[in-house]
Each structure stands twice: as C-alpha cells, then as structure tokens.
C-alpha cells in the first residue's frame, strides 16, 4: 500500500490536469450519510460530467483521496 499523505493523490490529480489543461479540471462532489459522529462520506471525481473515481470513507478528506486515487488509476496515471 502507498504511503501518500492525505492530500497526495488529490495533489497528483490536480498536477496531472495542470500539465494537461485541454482535458479540463476535476470536479468533486461530496455527500455524507448518517449521524455526524458516524458519518459515511462519498466523494465522486468527475471530468466534464463523466465519473472517473469514487471513494467512500469515514472522513470527507479520505473519501476525496480515495476518489482521486481511483481517478488516477482510471486515467492510467497509476
């Protein structure tokens, strides 16, 4: 397993889109379910309306990180 920091994959995804500006910029949609002390967060990364990654975790940041990781894999970067 990787030792990325909490913002590691998100940063890597943002860097990828900065190098490839013609592709566009990623859009994150984050939602939570459950009580605030037991929330489950879902994050979705979209590019031009197309889903590239999804992550589910107990914190918003980790859900976004997982979504970014999955998007990087879908794009063939990882």
PDB file of N, CA and C in Angstrom:
ATOM      1  N   UNK A   1       0.835  -1.183   0.000  1.00  0.00           N
ATOM      2  CA  UNK A   1       0.000   0.000   0.000  1.00  0.00           C
ATOM      3  C   UNK A   1       0.873   1.236   0.000  1.00  0.00           C
ATOM      4  N   UNK A   2       0.374   2.277  -0.620  1.00  0.00           N
ATOM      5  CA  UNK A   2       1.128   3.522  -0.761  1.00  0.00           C
ATOM      6  C   UNK A   2       1.196   4.288   0.553  1.00  0.00           C
ATOM      7  N   UNK A   3       2.193   5.141   0.654  1.00  0.00           N
ATOM      8  CA  UNK A   3       2.343   5.977   1.841  1.00  0.00           C
ATOM      9  C   UNK A   3       2.011   7.423   1.521  1.00  0.00           C
ATOM     10  N   UNK A   4       1.057   7.657   0.608  1.00  0.00           N
ATOM     11  CA  UNK A   4       0.656   9.010   0.247  1.00  0.00           C
ATOM     12  C   UNK A   4       0.101   9.735   1.463  1.00  0.00           C
ATOM     13  N   UNK A   5       0.314  11.056   1.492  1.00  0.00           N
ATOM     14  CA  UNK A   5      -0.290  11.861   2.539  1.00  0.00           C
ATOM     15  C   UNK A   5      -1.765  12.035   2.240  1.00  0.00           C
ATOM     16  N   UNK A   6      -2.512  12.652   3.167  1.00  0.00           N
ATOM     17  CA  UNK A   6      -3.945  12.832   2.973  1.00  0.00           C
ATOM     18  C   UNK A   6      -4.271  13.578   1.691  1.00  0.00           C
ATOM     19  N   UNK A   7      -3.413  14.464   1.247  1.00  0.00           N
ATOM     20  CA  UNK A   7      -3.691  15.204   0.015  1.00  0.00           C
ATOM     21  C   UNK A   7      -2.820  14.722  -1.149  1.00  0.00           C
ATOM     22  N   UNK A   8      -2.121  13.618  -0.997  1.00  0.00           N
ATOM     23  CA  UNK A   8      -1.191  13.147  -2.011  1.00  0.00           C
ATOM     24  C   UNK A   8      -1.818  12.842  -3.352  1.00  0.00           C
ATOM     25  N   UNK A   9      -2.857  12.035  -3.380  1.00  0.00           N
ATOM     26  CA  UNK A   9      -3.488  11.689  -4.648  1.00  0.00           C
ATOM     27  C   UNK A   9      -4.262  12.866  -5.228  1.00  0.00           C
ATOM     28  N   UNK A  10      -4.888  13.647  -4.370  1.00  0.00           N
ATOM     29  CA  UNK A  10      -5.586  14.843  -4.863  1.00  0.00           C
ATOM     30  C   UNK A  10      -4.598  15.795  -5.515  1.00  0.00           C
ATOM     31  N   UNK A  11      -3.462  15.985  -4.888  1.00  0.00           N
ATOM     32  CA  UNK A  11      -2.433  16.859  -5.455  1.00  0.00           C
ATOM     33  C   UNK A  11      -1.912  16.299  -6.767  1.00  0.00           C
ATOM     34  N   UNK A  12      -1.687  15.006  -6.812  1.00  0.00           N
ATOM     35  CA  UNK A  12      -1.202  14.363  -8.028  1.00  0.00           C
ATOM     36  C   UNK A  12      -2.231  14.506  -9.151  1.00  0.00           C
ATOM     37  N   UNK A  13      -3.508  14.361  -8.834  1.00  0.00           N
ATOM     38  CA  UNK A  13      -4.555  14.522  -9.841  1.00  0.00           C
ATOM     39  C   UNK A  13      -4.611  15.963 -10.338  1.00  0.00           C
ATOM     40  N   UNK A  14      -4.541  16.918  -9.428  1.00  0.00           N
ATOM     41  CA  UNK A  14      -4.529  18.332  -9.830  1.00  0.00           C
ATOM     42  C   UNK A  14      -3.321  18.647 -10.702  1.00  0.00           C
ATOM     43  N   UNK A  15      -2.161  18.107 -10.343  1.00  0.00           N
ATOM     44  CA  UNK A  15      -0.957  18.319 -11.147  1.00  0.00           C
ATOM     45  C   UNK A  15      -1.122  17.729 -12.547  1.00  0.00           C
ATOM     46  N   UNK A  16      -1.746  16.561 -12.616  1.00  0.00           N
ATOM     47  CA  UNK A  16      -1.979  15.929 -13.918  1.00  0.00           C
ATOM     48  C   UNK A  16      -2.813  16.841 -14.814  1.00  0.00           C
ATOM     49  N   UNK A  17      -3.855  17.439 -14.261  1.00  0.00           N
ATOM     50  CA  UNK A  17      -4.717  18.306 -15.055  1.00  0.00           C
ATOM     51  C   UNK A  17      -4.065  19.647 -15.379  1.00  0.00           C
ATOM     52  N   UNK A  18      -3.142  20.095 -14.553  1.00  0.00           N
ATOM     53  CA  UNK A  18      -2.410  21.324 -14.876  1.00  0.00           C
ATOM     54  C   UNK A  18      -1.471  21.094 -16.051  1.00  0.00           C
ATOM     55  N   UNK A  19      -0.889  19.910 -16.119  1.00  0.00           N
ATOM     56  CA  UNK A  19       0.008  19.570 -17.224  1.00  0.00           C
ATOM     57  C   UNK A  19      -0.787  19.309 -18.503  1.00  0.00           C
ATOM     58  N   UNK A  20      -2.031  18.869 -18.353  1.00  0.00           N
ATOM     59  CA  UNK A  20      -2.910  18.553 -19.479  1.00  0.00           C
ATOM     60  C   UNK A  20      -4.157  19.445 -19.435  1.00  0.00           C
ATOM     61  N   UNK A  21      -3.991  20.759 -19.606  1.00  0.00           N
ATOM     62  CA  UNK A  21      -5.123  21.679 -19.410  1.00  0.00           C
ATOM     63  C   UNK A  21      -6.257  21.484 -20.408  1.00  0.00           C
ATOM     64  N   UNK A  22      -5.982  20.901 -21.552  1.00  0.00           N
ATOM     65  CA  UNK A  22      -7.019  20.694 -22.558  1.00  0.00           C
ATOM     66  C   UNK A  22      -8.082  19.721 -22.053  1.00  0.00           C
ATOM     67  N   UNK A  23      -7.715  18.867 -21.121  1.00  0.00           N
ATOM     68  CA  UNK A  23      -8.628  17.874 -20.561  1.00  0.00           C
ATOM     69  C   UNK A  23      -9.679  18.545 -19.682  1.00  0.00           C
ATOM     70  N   UNK A  24      -9.317  19.615 -18.998  1.00  0.00           N
ATOM     71  CA  UNK A  24     -10.230  20.291 -18.084  1.00  0.00           C
ATOM     72  C   UNK A  24      -9.763  20.142 -16.655  1.00  0.00           C
ATOM     73  N   UNK A  25     -10.635  20.450 -15.730  1.00  0.00           N
ATOM     74  CA  UNK A  25     -10.325  20.350 -14.305  1.00  0.00           C
ATOM     75  C   UNK A  25     -11.286  19.374 -13.637  1.00  0.00           C
ATOM     76  N   UNK A  26     -10.792  18.626 -12.636  1.00  0.00           N
ATOM     77  CA  UNK A  26     -11.671  17.678 -11.953  1.00  0.00           C
ATOM     78  C   UNK A  26     -12.694  18.410 -11.090  1.00  0.00           C
ATOM     79  N   UNK A  27     -13.856  17.821 -10.974  1.00  0.00           N
ATOM     80  CA  UNK A  27     -14.925  18.349 -10.136  1.00  0.00           C
ATOM     81  C   UNK A  27     -15.262  17.293  -9.093  1.00  0.00           C
ATOM     82  N   UNK A  28     -15.192  17.670  -7.821  1.00  0.00           N
ATOM     83  CA  UNK A  28     -15.504  16.747  -6.733  1.00  0.00           C
ATOM     84  C   UNK A  28     -16.922  17.002  -6.238  1.00  0.00           C
ATOM     85  N   UNK A  29     -17.666  15.939  -6.047  1.00  0.00           N
ATOM     86  CA  UNK A  29     -18.977  16.014  -5.404  1.00  0.00           C
ATOM     87  C   UNK A  29     -18.905  15.162  -4.147  1.00  0.00           C
ATOM     88  N   UNK A  30     -19.163  15.778  -2.993  1.00  0.00           N
ATOM     89  CA  UNK A  30     -19.064  15.066  -1.722  1.00  0.00           C
ATOM     90  C   UNK A  30     -20.410  15.079  -1.003  1.00  0.00           C
ATOM     91  N   UNK A  31     -20.813  13.922  -0.520  1.00  0.00           N
ATOM     92  CA  UNK A  31     -22.050  13.804   0.249  1.00  0.00           C
ATOM     93  C   UNK A  31     -21.787  12.925   1.462  1.00  0.00           C
ATOM     94  N   UNK A  32     -22.595  13.126   2.486  1.00  0.00           N
ATOM     95  CA  UNK A  32     -22.461  12.284   3.673  1.00  0.00           C
ATOM     96  C   UNK A  32     -23.824  11.729   4.061  1.00  0.00           C
ATOM     97  N   UNK A  33     -23.785  10.566   4.686  1.00  0.00           N
ATOM     98  CA  UNK A  33     -24.986   9.941   5.212  1.00  0.00           C
ATOM     99  C   UNK A  33     -24.723   9.539   6.646  1.00  0.00           C
ATOM    100  N   UNK A  34     -25.777   9.415   7.411  1.00  0.00           N
ATOM    101  CA  UNK A  34     -25.640   9.007   8.802  1.00  0.00           C
ATOM    102  C   UNK A  34     -25.487  10.192   9.728  1.00  0.00           C
ATOM    103  N   UNK A  35     -25.411   9.888  11.012  1.00  0.00           N
ATOM    104  CA  UNK A  35     -25.232  10.927  12.031  1.00  0.00           C
ATOM    105  C   UNK A  35     -23.838  11.528  11.930  1.00  0.00           C
ATOM    106  N   UNK A  36     -23.710  12.754  12.377  1.00  0.00           N
ATOM    107  CA  UNK A  36     -22.439  13.462  12.224  1.00  0.00           C
ATOM    108  C   UNK A  36     -21.268  12.733  12.889  1.00  0.00           C
ATOM    109  N   UNK A  37     -21.513  12.045  13.996  1.00  0.00           N
ATOM    110  CA  UNK A  37     -20.414  11.342  14.671  1.00  0.00           C
ATOM    111  C   UNK A  37     -20.158   9.962  14.069  1.00  0.00           C
ATOM    112  N   UNK A  38     -21.011   9.520  13.132  1.00  0.00           N
ATOM    113  CA  UNK A  38     -20.822   8.232  12.469  1.00  0.00           C
ATOM    114  C   UNK A  38     -21.039   8.362  10.966  1.00  0.00           C
ATOM    115  N   UNK A  39     -20.701   9.520  10.428  1.00  0.00           N
ATOM    116  CA  UNK A  39     -20.977   9.797   9.018  1.00  0.00           C
ATOM    117  C   UNK A  39     -20.143   8.921   8.091  1.00  0.00           C
ATOM    118  N   UNK A  40     -20.738   8.604   6.961  1.00  0.00           N
ATOM    119  CA  UNK A  40     -20.026   7.933   5.885  1.00  0.00           C
ATOM    120  C   UNK A  40     -20.024   8.895   4.702  1.00  0.00           C
ATOM    121  N   UNK A  41     -18.829   9.254   4.262  1.00  0.00           N
ATOM    122  CA  UNK A  41     -18.676  10.213   3.176  1.00  0.00           C
ATOM    123  C   UNK A  41     -18.458   9.492   1.856  1.00  0.00           C
ATOM    124  N   UNK A  42     -19.084  10.006   0.821  1.00  0.00           N
ATOM    125  CA  UNK A  42     -18.864   9.526  -0.538  1.00  0.00           C
ATOM    126  C   UNK A  42     -18.388  10.699  -1.372  1.00  0.00           C
ATOM    127  N   UNK A  43     -17.281  10.519  -2.064  1.00  0.00           N
ATOM    128  CA  UNK A  43     -16.745  11.547  -2.957  1.00  0.00           C
ATOM    129  C   UNK A  43     -16.674  10.973  -4.368  1.00  0.00           C
ATOM    130  N   UNK A  44     -17.068  11.801  -5.332  1.00  0.00           N
ATOM    131  CA  UNK A  44     -17.024  11.401  -6.737  1.00  0.00           C
ATOM    132  C   UNK A  44     -16.205  12.446  -7.483  1.00  0.00           C
ATOM    133  N   UNK A  45     -15.263  11.999  -8.302  1.00  0.00           N
ATOM    134  CA  UNK A  45     -14.484  12.890  -9.158  1.00  0.00           C
ATOM    135  C   UNK A  45     -15.043  12.775 -10.571  1.00  0.00           C
ATOM    136  N   UNK A  46     -15.422  13.922 -11.124  1.00  0.00           N
ATOM    137  CA  UNK A  46     -15.929  13.951 -12.500  1.00  0.00           C
ATOM    138  C   UNK A  46     -15.072  14.880 -13.341  1.00  0.00           C
ATOM    139  N   UNK A  47     -15.008  14.542 -14.596  1.00  0.00           N
ATOM    140  CA  UNK A  47     -14.345  15.380 -15.582  1.00  0.00           C
ATOM    141  C   UNK A  47     -15.320  15.560 -16.728  1.00  0.00           C
ATOM    142  N   UNK A  48     -15.737  16.790 -16.944  1.00  0.00           N
ATOM    143  CA  UNK A  48     -16.730  17.112 -17.975  1.00  0.00           C
ATOM    144  C   UNK A  48     -17.976  16.246 -17.822  1.00  0.00           C
ATOM    145  N   UNK A  49     -18.390  16.052 -16.573  1.00  0.00           N
ATOM    146  CA  UNK A  49     -19.613  15.313 -16.278  1.00  0.00           C
ATOM    147  C   UNK A  49     -19.478  13.808 -16.234  1.00  0.00           C
ATOM    148  N   UNK A  50     -18.301  13.280 -16.557  1.00  0.00           N
ATOM    149  CA  UNK A  50     -18.079  11.829 -16.571  1.00  0.00           C
ATOM    150  C   UNK A  50     -17.357  11.422 -15.292  1.00  0.00           C
ATOM    151  N   UNK A  51     -17.893  10.418 -14.599  1.00  0.00           N
ATOM    152  CA  UNK A  51     -17.275   9.945 -13.364  1.00  0.00           C
ATOM    153  C   UNK A  51     -16.000   9.179 -13.670  1.00  0.00           C
ATOM    154  N   UNK A  52     -14.908   9.566 -12.979  1.00  0.00           N
ATOM    155  CA  UNK A  52     -13.624   8.888 -13.133  1.00  0.00           C
ATOM    156  C   UNK A  52     -13.178   8.182 -11.867  1.00  0.00           C
ATOM    157  N   UNK A  53     -13.734   8.569 -10.723  1.00  0.00           N
ATOM    158  CA  UNK A  53     -13.336   7.934  -9.480  1.00  0.00           C
ATOM    159  C   UNK A  53     -14.369   8.161  -8.398  1.00  0.00           C
ATOM    160  N   UNK A  54     -14.459   7.205  -7.484  1.00  0.00           N
ATOM    161  CA  UNK A  54     -15.398   7.284  -6.369  1.00  0.00           C
ATOM    162  C   UNK A  54     -14.700   6.742  -5.139  1.00  0.00           C
ATOM    163  N   UNK A  55     -14.957   7.378  -3.997  1.00  0.00           N
ATOM    164  CA  UNK A  55     -14.375   6.915  -2.747  1.00  0.00           C
ATOM    165  C   UNK A  55     -15.373   7.043  -1.616  1.00  0.00           C
ATOM    166  N   UNK A  56     -15.328   6.095  -0.686  1.00  0.00           N
ATOM    167  CA  UNK A  56     -16.199   6.104   0.488  1.00  0.00           C
ATOM    168  C   UNK A  56     -15.312   5.937   1.706  1.00  0.00           C
ATOM    169  N   UNK A  57     -15.524   6.796   2.716  1.00  0.00           N
ATOM    170  CA  UNK A  57     -14.706   6.731   3.935  1.00  0.00           C
ATOM    171  C   UNK A  57     -15.443   7.412   5.083  1.00  0.00           C
ATOM    172  N   UNK A  58     -14.848   7.358   6.250  1.00  0.00           N
ATOM    173  CA  UNK A  58     -15.461   7.973   7.421  1.00  0.00           C
ATOM    174  C   UNK A  58     -15.167   9.469   7.527  1.00  0.00           C
ATOM    175  N   UNK A  59     -14.246   9.973   6.699  1.00  0.00           N
ATOM    176  CA  UNK A  59     -13.992  11.413   6.658  1.00  0.00           C
ATOM    177  C   UNK A  59     -14.084  11.889   5.211  1.00  0.00           C
ATOM    178  N   UNK A  60     -14.432  13.143   5.052  1.00  0.00           N
ATOM    179  CA  UNK A  60     -14.553  13.730   3.717  1.00  0.00           C
ATOM    180  C   UNK A  60     -13.210  13.698   2.986  1.00  0.00           C
ATOM    181  N   UNK A  61     -12.147  14.059   3.689  1.00  0.00           N
ATOM    182  CA  UNK A  61     -10.820  14.096   3.086  1.00  0.00           C
ATOM    183  C   UNK A  61     -10.374  12.740   2.572  1.00  0.00           C
ATOM    184  N   UNK A  62     -10.612  11.705   3.356  1.00  0.00           N
ATOM    185  CA  UNK A  62     -10.206  10.357   2.927  1.00  0.00           C
ATOM    186  C   UNK A  62     -11.051   9.859   1.765  1.00  0.00           C
ATOM    187  N   UNK A  63     -12.330  10.219   1.753  1.00  0.00           N
ATOM    188  CA  UNK A  63     -13.186   9.846   0.630  1.00  0.00           C
ATOM    189  C   UNK A  63     -12.696  10.529  -0.649  1.00  0.00           C
ATOM    190  N   UNK A  64     -12.329  11.799  -0.546  1.00  0.00           N
ATOM    191  CA  UNK A  64     -11.810  12.536  -1.700  1.00  0.00           C
ATOM    192  C   UNK A  64     -10.484  11.944  -2.162  1.00  0.00           C
ATOM    193  N   UNK A  65      -9.657  11.564  -1.213  1.00  0.00           N
ATOM    194  CA  UNK A  65      -8.360  10.974  -1.534  1.00  0.00           C
ATOM    195  C   UNK A  65      -8.528   9.649  -2.278  1.00  0.00           C
ATOM    196  N   UNK A  66      -9.455   8.827  -1.812  1.00  0.00           N
ATOM    197  CA  UNK A  66      -9.725   7.553  -2.465  1.00  0.00           C
ATOM    198  C   UNK A  66     -10.298   7.775  -3.864  1.00  0.00           C
ATOM    199  N   UNK A  67     -11.188   8.745  -3.992  1.00  0.00           N
ATOM    200  CA  UNK A  67     -11.757   9.064  -5.303  1.00  0.00           C
ATOM    201  C   UNK A  67     -10.665   9.530  -6.268  1.00  0.00           C
ATOM    202  N   UNK A  68      -9.753  10.364  -5.780  1.00  0.00           N
ATOM    203  CA  UNK A  68      -8.651  10.845  -6.620  1.00  0.00           C
ATOM    204  C   UNK A  68      -7.745   9.683  -7.032  1.00  0.00           C
ATOM    205  N   UNK A  69      -7.460   8.788  -6.105  1.00  0.00           N
ATOM    206  CA  UNK A  69      -6.652   7.607  -6.403  1.00  0.00           C
ATOM    207  C   UNK A  69      -7.314   6.783  -7.504  1.00  0.00           C
ATOM    208  N   UNK A  70      -8.608   6.545  -7.359  1.00  0.00           N
ATOM    209  CA  UNK A  70      -9.326   5.751  -8.360  1.00  0.00           C
ATOM    210  C   UNK A  70      -9.378   6.463  -9.705  1.00  0.00           C
ATOM    211  N   UNK A  71      -9.484   7.783  -9.695  1.00  0.00           N
ATOM    212  CA  UNK A  71      -9.470   8.554 -10.944  1.00  0.00           C
ATOM    213  C   UNK A  71      -8.110   8.442 -11.628  1.00  0.00           C
ATOM    214  N   UNK A  72      -7.041   8.520 -10.855  1.00  0.00           N
ATOM    215  CA  UNK A  72      -5.705   8.381 -11.418  1.00  0.00           C
ATOM    216  C   UNK A  72      -5.505   7.012 -12.043  1.00  0.00           C
ATOM    217  N   UNK A  73      -6.050   5.973 -11.401  1.00  0.00           N
ATOM    218  CA  UNK A  73      -5.969   4.636 -11.977  1.00  0.00           C
ATOM    219  C   UNK A  73      -6.784   4.549 -13.262  1.00  0.00           C
ATOM    220  N   UNK A  74      -7.977   5.139 -13.263  1.00  0.00           N
ATOM    221  CA  UNK A  74      -8.837   5.123 -14.459  1.00  0.00           C
ATOM    222  C   UNK A  74      -8.173   5.847 -15.618  1.00  0.00           C
ATOM    223  N   UNK A  75      -7.441   6.923 -15.321  1.00  0.00           N
ATOM    224  CA  UNK A  75      -6.757   7.697 -16.354  1.00  0.00           C
ATOM    225  C   UNK A  75      -5.446   7.057 -16.810  1.00  0.00           C
ATOM    226  N   UNK A  76      -5.033   5.985 -16.118  1.00  0.00           N
ATOM    227  CA  UNK A  76      -3.803   5.297 -16.486  1.00  0.00           C
ATOM    228  C   UNK A  76      -2.550   5.954 -15.961  1.00  0.00           C
ATOM    229  N   UNK A  77      -2.701   6.855 -14.991  1.00  0.00           N
ATOM    230  CA  UNK A  77      -1.552   7.548 -14.416  1.00  0.00           C
ATOM    231  C   UNK A  77      -0.864   6.648 -13.381  1.00  0.00           C
ATOM    232  N   UNK A  78      -1.613   5.883 -12.651  1.00  0.00           N
ATOM    233  CA  UNK A  78      -1.042   4.955 -11.650  1.00  0.00           C
ATOM    234  C   UNK A  78      -1.026   3.542 -12.199  1.00  0.00           C
TER     235      UNK A  78
END
